[in-house]
């Protein structure tokens, strides 16, 4: 089944229905966008290689669920926006990585271990925790989506620098984007410094690229809260990604 799915030009109805039943954000799309998502997922499965590490279990349905989340951010941009990398690596849960870290004051570089649930390597794979993906699928409106977060980083990298400014389609001004996002990022940092609450997760205040990735998650999973907290950011993300999925009825 796995070989048939990755080599097929179209995704069989039965597994597509199973994936929609398990992925509320995909199920909330209108019929036209669901059809577009299905085509993009078929391309994703045909062109990306999936690898399971540390005992992770992957089957056709799990790969399709990952593809659905990865393709949500390119419904408007198209599959070409996912070029430049080939692999999705999946761990069962959190994973540890070691990265060089440069002290800004001294310039000294040391290696530090980190525990992550997702990572997007420059010109390399997307690395994901299945436990986090599963949680996001079960809680689609809590503001978090690890796959969308890492795909946002991939889109950010397309212009050669991960700085919170992705390669923008026609109709979106780079100057306006930089101005709006910088002001919103600065505002979030001020709010946190003053002990004020924000619907935007504090991790977004780490740097501009994380602000872009975190607000991208919110665009799909908590659009109303994002629009309230940062309306201009919400407007620009709609210009980039298209309208967010409609919230599911209670």
Protein backbone atom coordinates (compact mmCIF):
# COMPACT_ATOMS: atom_id res chain seq x y z
CA UNK A 1 0.00 0.00 0.00
CA UNK A 2 2.80 2.43 0.85
CA UNK A 3 4.48 1.90 -2.51
CA UNK A 4 1.16 2.26 -4.35
CA UNK A 5 0.31 5.48 -2.53
CA UNK A 6 3.64 7.19 -3.16
CA UNK A 7 3.66 6.19 -6.81
CA UNK A 8 0.00 7.02 -7.50
CA UNK A 9 -0.97 10.23 -9.27
CA UNK A 10 -4.16 10.34 -7.24
CA UNK A 11 -4.85 9.39 -3.64
CA UNK A 12 -7.45 6.61 -3.26
CA UNK A 13 -10.83 7.71 -1.91
CA UNK A 14 -10.76 5.38 1.10
CA UNK A 15 -7.50 6.63 2.61
CA UNK A 16 -8.35 10.23 1.77
CA UNK A 17 -11.60 9.91 3.72
CA UNK A 18 -9.72 8.37 6.65
CA UNK A 19 -7.24 11.24 6.62
CA UNK A 20 -9.97 13.88 6.54
CA UNK A 21 -11.68 12.18 9.48
CA UNK A 22 -8.44 12.44 11.47
CA UNK A 23 -7.47 15.97 10.38
CA UNK A 24 -10.09 18.60 11.32
CA UNK A 25 -8.24 21.50 9.68
CA UNK A 26 -8.26 19.71 6.34
CA UNK A 27 -11.87 18.63 6.80
CA UNK A 28 -12.87 22.25 7.49
CA UNK A 29 -11.77 23.41 4.03
CA UNK A 30 -14.40 24.03 1.39
CA UNK A 31 -14.72 21.48 -1.42
CA UNK A 32 -12.55 23.40 -3.88
CA UNK A 33 -9.68 23.77 -1.44
CA UNK A 34 -9.98 20.14 -0.36
CA UNK A 35 -9.57 19.11 -3.98
CA UNK A 36 -6.54 21.39 -4.28
CA UNK A 37 -5.09 19.95 -1.07
CA UNK A 38 -5.57 16.40 -2.35
CA UNK A 39 -3.61 17.18 -5.52
CA UNK A 40 -0.83 18.82 -3.53
CA UNK A 41 -0.67 15.84 -1.14
CA UNK A 42 -0.27 13.45 -4.07
CA UNK A 43 2.65 15.56 -5.28
CA UNK A 44 4.14 15.69 -1.79
CA UNK A 45 3.96 11.93 -1.34
CA UNK A 46 5.47 11.33 -4.76
CA UNK A 47 8.40 13.73 -4.31
CA UNK A 48 9.28 13.58 -0.61
CA UNK A 49 10.94 10.62 1.07
CA UNK A 50 9.74 9.58 4.53
CA UNK A 51 12.12 8.08 7.09
CA UNK A 52 11.22 6.69 10.51
CA UNK A 53 13.79 6.97 13.30
CA UNK A 54 14.11 5.64 16.87
CA UNK A 55 11.26 3.18 16.46
CA UNK A 56 8.73 5.56 14.94
CA UNK A 57 5.90 3.84 13.07
CA UNK A 58 4.94 5.14 9.63
CA UNK A 59 2.21 3.86 7.36
CA UNK A 60 0.29 5.34 4.44
CA UNK A 61 -2.24 7.11 6.62
CA UNK A 62 0.37 8.77 8.84
CA UNK A 63 2.36 9.89 5.81
CA UNK A 64 -0.78 11.33 4.25
CA UNK A 65 -1.68 13.15 7.48
CA UNK A 66 1.78 14.71 7.52
CA UNK A 67 1.42 15.65 3.86
CA UNK A 68 -1.94 17.30 4.54
CA UNK A 69 -0.50 19.53 7.26
CA UNK A 70 2.58 20.31 5.15
CA UNK A 71 0.50 21.32 2.14
CA UNK A 72 -1.95 23.58 3.98
CA UNK A 73 0.52 26.50 3.84
CA UNK A 74 0.99 26.10 0.06
CA UNK A 75 -2.66 25.85 -0.96
CA UNK A 76 -2.28 29.29 -2.53
CA UNK A 77 1.45 29.25 -3.27
CA UNK A 78 1.53 25.88 -5.05
CA UNK A 79 3.79 22.86 -4.72
CA UNK A 80 6.79 24.70 -6.19
CA UNK A 81 7.08 26.54 -2.86
CA UNK A 82 8.20 23.23 -1.30
CA UNK A 83 11.18 22.78 -3.60
CA UNK A 84 14.80 22.46 -2.48
CA UNK A 85 14.44 19.58 -0.03
CA UNK A 86 13.46 15.94 -0.25
CA UNK A 87 13.07 14.23 3.11
CA UNK A 88 10.72 14.08 6.08
CA UNK A 89 12.23 12.39 9.15
CA UNK A 90 9.81 11.27 11.85
CA UNK A 91 10.64 10.41 15.46
CA UNK A 92 8.12 8.87 17.85
CA UNK A 93 8.41 11.80 20.27
CA UNK A 94 10.85 14.54 21.22
CA UNK A 95 14.36 14.20 19.82
CA UNK A 96 17.73 15.58 20.82
CA UNK A 97 20.03 17.50 18.50
CA UNK A 98 23.41 19.16 18.93
CA UNK A 99 24.00 22.52 17.29
CA UNK A 100 26.84 25.05 17.39
CA UNK A 101 26.04 28.20 19.35
CA UNK A 102 27.98 31.45 19.07
CA UNK A 103 28.11 33.79 22.04
CA UNK A 104 27.32 37.24 20.64
CA UNK A 105 29.50 39.06 23.14
CA UNK A 106 32.65 36.91 22.86
CA UNK A 107 32.25 35.22 19.49
CA UNK A 108 33.09 31.87 21.11
CA UNK A 109 31.34 28.90 19.47
CA UNK A 110 30.24 25.98 21.63
CA UNK A 111 28.04 22.98 20.97
CA UNK A 112 24.72 22.75 22.80
CA UNK A 113 22.19 19.94 23.06
CA UNK A 114 18.53 20.75 22.52
CA UNK A 115 15.34 18.74 22.84
CA UNK A 116 12.96 19.49 19.98
CA UNK A 117 9.61 18.46 18.52
CA UNK A 118 10.39 19.78 15.05
CA UNK A 119 13.20 21.17 12.97
CA UNK A 120 13.69 22.41 9.41
CA UNK A 121 17.24 22.11 8.13
CA UNK A 122 18.44 24.63 5.57
CA UNK A 123 18.41 22.74 2.24
CA UNK A 124 17.84 19.57 4.27
CA UNK A 125 15.02 17.53 5.76
CA UNK A 126 12.06 18.46 7.89
CA UNK A 127 12.29 16.56 11.19
CA UNK A 128 9.11 15.94 13.19
CA UNK A 129 7.77 14.30 16.34
CA UNK A 130 4.81 12.04 15.65
CA UNK A 131 3.55 12.54 19.22
CA UNK A 132 3.33 16.28 18.56
CA UNK A 133 1.65 15.76 15.19
CA UNK A 134 -0.88 13.43 16.82
CA UNK A 135 -1.59 16.00 19.54
CA UNK A 136 -2.09 18.76 16.96
CA UNK A 137 -4.55 16.61 15.02
CA UNK A 138 -6.52 15.90 18.18
CA UNK A 139 -6.48 19.58 19.27
CA UNK A 140 -6.67 21.52 16.00
CA UNK A 141 -7.70 24.87 17.49
CA UNK A 142 -5.19 25.28 20.32
CA UNK A 143 -2.80 27.48 18.32
CA UNK A 144 -0.13 24.85 17.66
CA UNK A 145 0.76 22.84 14.56
CA UNK A 146 4.32 21.56 14.41
CA UNK A 147 4.17 20.64 10.72
CA UNK A 148 2.87 24.08 9.69
CA UNK A 149 5.54 25.65 11.91
CA UNK A 150 8.38 23.81 10.18
CA UNK A 151 6.96 24.37 6.70
CA UNK A 152 6.80 28.08 7.52
CA UNK A 153 10.54 27.90 8.22
CA UNK A 154 11.04 26.17 4.85
CA UNK A 155 9.13 28.97 3.11
CA UNK A 156 11.20 31.50 5.06
CA UNK A 157 14.39 29.87 3.76
CA UNK A 158 13.39 30.11 0.08
CA UNK A 159 14.99 33.53 -0.42
CA UNK A 160 18.27 32.34 1.10
CA UNK A 161 17.86 33.71 4.63
CA UNK A 162 15.66 32.62 7.51
CA UNK A 163 14.65 36.00 8.89
CA UNK A 164 10.88 35.97 9.12
CA UNK A 165 10.45 37.30 5.58
CA UNK A 166 9.52 34.49 3.16
CA UNK A 167 9.69 34.76 -0.60
CA UNK A 168 6.51 36.72 -1.22
CA UNK A 169 4.07 36.24 -4.09
CA UNK A 170 2.96 39.09 -6.33
CA UNK A 171 0.70 41.48 -4.49
CA UNK A 172 2.57 41.37 -1.19
CA UNK A 173 5.13 44.10 -0.58
CA UNK A 174 8.38 43.05 1.08
CA UNK A 175 8.73 46.53 2.59
CA UNK A 176 5.24 46.40 4.09
CA UNK A 177 5.79 42.86 5.34
CA UNK A 178 9.02 43.77 7.11
CA UNK A 179 7.48 46.88 8.67
CA UNK A 180 4.32 45.15 9.91
CA UNK A 181 6.05 42.07 11.28
CA UNK A 182 8.84 44.03 12.95
CA UNK A 183 6.37 46.30 14.73
CA UNK A 184 4.28 43.33 15.83
CA UNK A 185 7.36 41.44 17.01
CA UNK A 186 8.54 44.47 19.00
CA UNK A 187 5.07 44.87 20.51
CA UNK A 188 5.03 41.23 21.66
CA UNK A 189 8.43 41.63 23.29
CA UNK A 190 7.25 44.76 25.11
CA UNK A 191 4.11 42.99 26.30
CA UNK A 192 6.11 40.09 27.69
CA UNK A 193 8.67 42.41 29.29
CA UNK A 194 5.79 44.22 31.02
CA UNK A 195 4.21 41.00 32.23
CA UNK A 196 1.21 41.36 29.93
CA UNK A 197 -0.60 38.39 28.43
CA UNK A 198 -0.76 37.82 24.69
CA UNK A 199 -2.60 35.11 22.74
CA UNK A 200 0.61 34.75 20.74
CA UNK A 201 2.89 32.18 22.34
CA UNK A 202 5.96 33.64 24.02
CA UNK A 203 8.25 31.52 21.83
CA UNK A 204 7.37 33.91 19.00
CA UNK A 205 9.37 36.61 20.80
CA UNK A 206 12.60 34.59 20.42
CA UNK A 207 13.41 36.13 17.03
CA UNK A 208 11.59 37.32 13.88
CA UNK A 209 11.73 33.92 12.17
CA UNK A 210 10.04 32.24 15.10
CA UNK A 211 7.45 35.01 15.20
CA UNK A 212 6.59 34.24 11.58
CA UNK A 213 6.41 30.47 12.22
CA UNK A 214 4.32 30.78 15.39
CA UNK A 215 1.84 33.20 13.82
CA UNK A 216 1.63 30.89 10.81
CA UNK A 217 0.47 28.13 13.17
CA UNK A 218 -2.13 30.51 14.57
CA UNK A 219 -3.32 31.50 11.10
CA UNK A 220 -4.52 27.93 10.61
CA UNK A 221 -5.44 26.92 14.14
CA UNK A 222 -6.45 30.13 15.97
CA UNK A 223 -7.18 32.75 13.30
CA UNK A 224 -9.63 34.75 15.41
CA UNK A 225 -7.15 35.10 18.27
CA UNK A 226 -4.40 36.10 15.85
CA UNK A 227 -6.61 38.71 14.21
CA UNK A 228 -7.37 40.18 17.62
CA UNK A 229 -3.75 40.22 18.79
CA UNK A 230 -2.08 41.31 15.54
CA UNK A 231 -4.63 42.27 12.86
CA UNK A 232 -2.10 43.51 10.29
CA UNK A 233 -0.07 40.31 10.64
CA UNK A 234 -3.24 38.26 10.20
CA UNK A 235 -4.07 40.19 7.04
CA UNK A 236 -0.63 39.61 5.52
CA UNK A 237 -0.68 35.91 6.38
CA UNK A 238 -4.05 35.61 4.64
CA UNK A 239 -2.42 37.22 1.62
CA UNK A 240 0.35 34.62 1.75
CA UNK A 241 -1.59 31.47 2.65
CA UNK A 242 -5.17 32.26 1.68
CA UNK A 243 -8.06 32.31 4.11
CA UNK A 244 -7.71 30.02 7.15
CA UNK A 245 -9.94 26.94 7.40
CA UNK A 246 -13.36 27.63 8.81
CA UNK A 247 -13.67 26.67 12.49
CA UNK A 248 -15.50 23.43 13.11
CA UNK A 249 -18.98 23.63 14.59
CA UNK A 250 -19.26 22.76 18.28
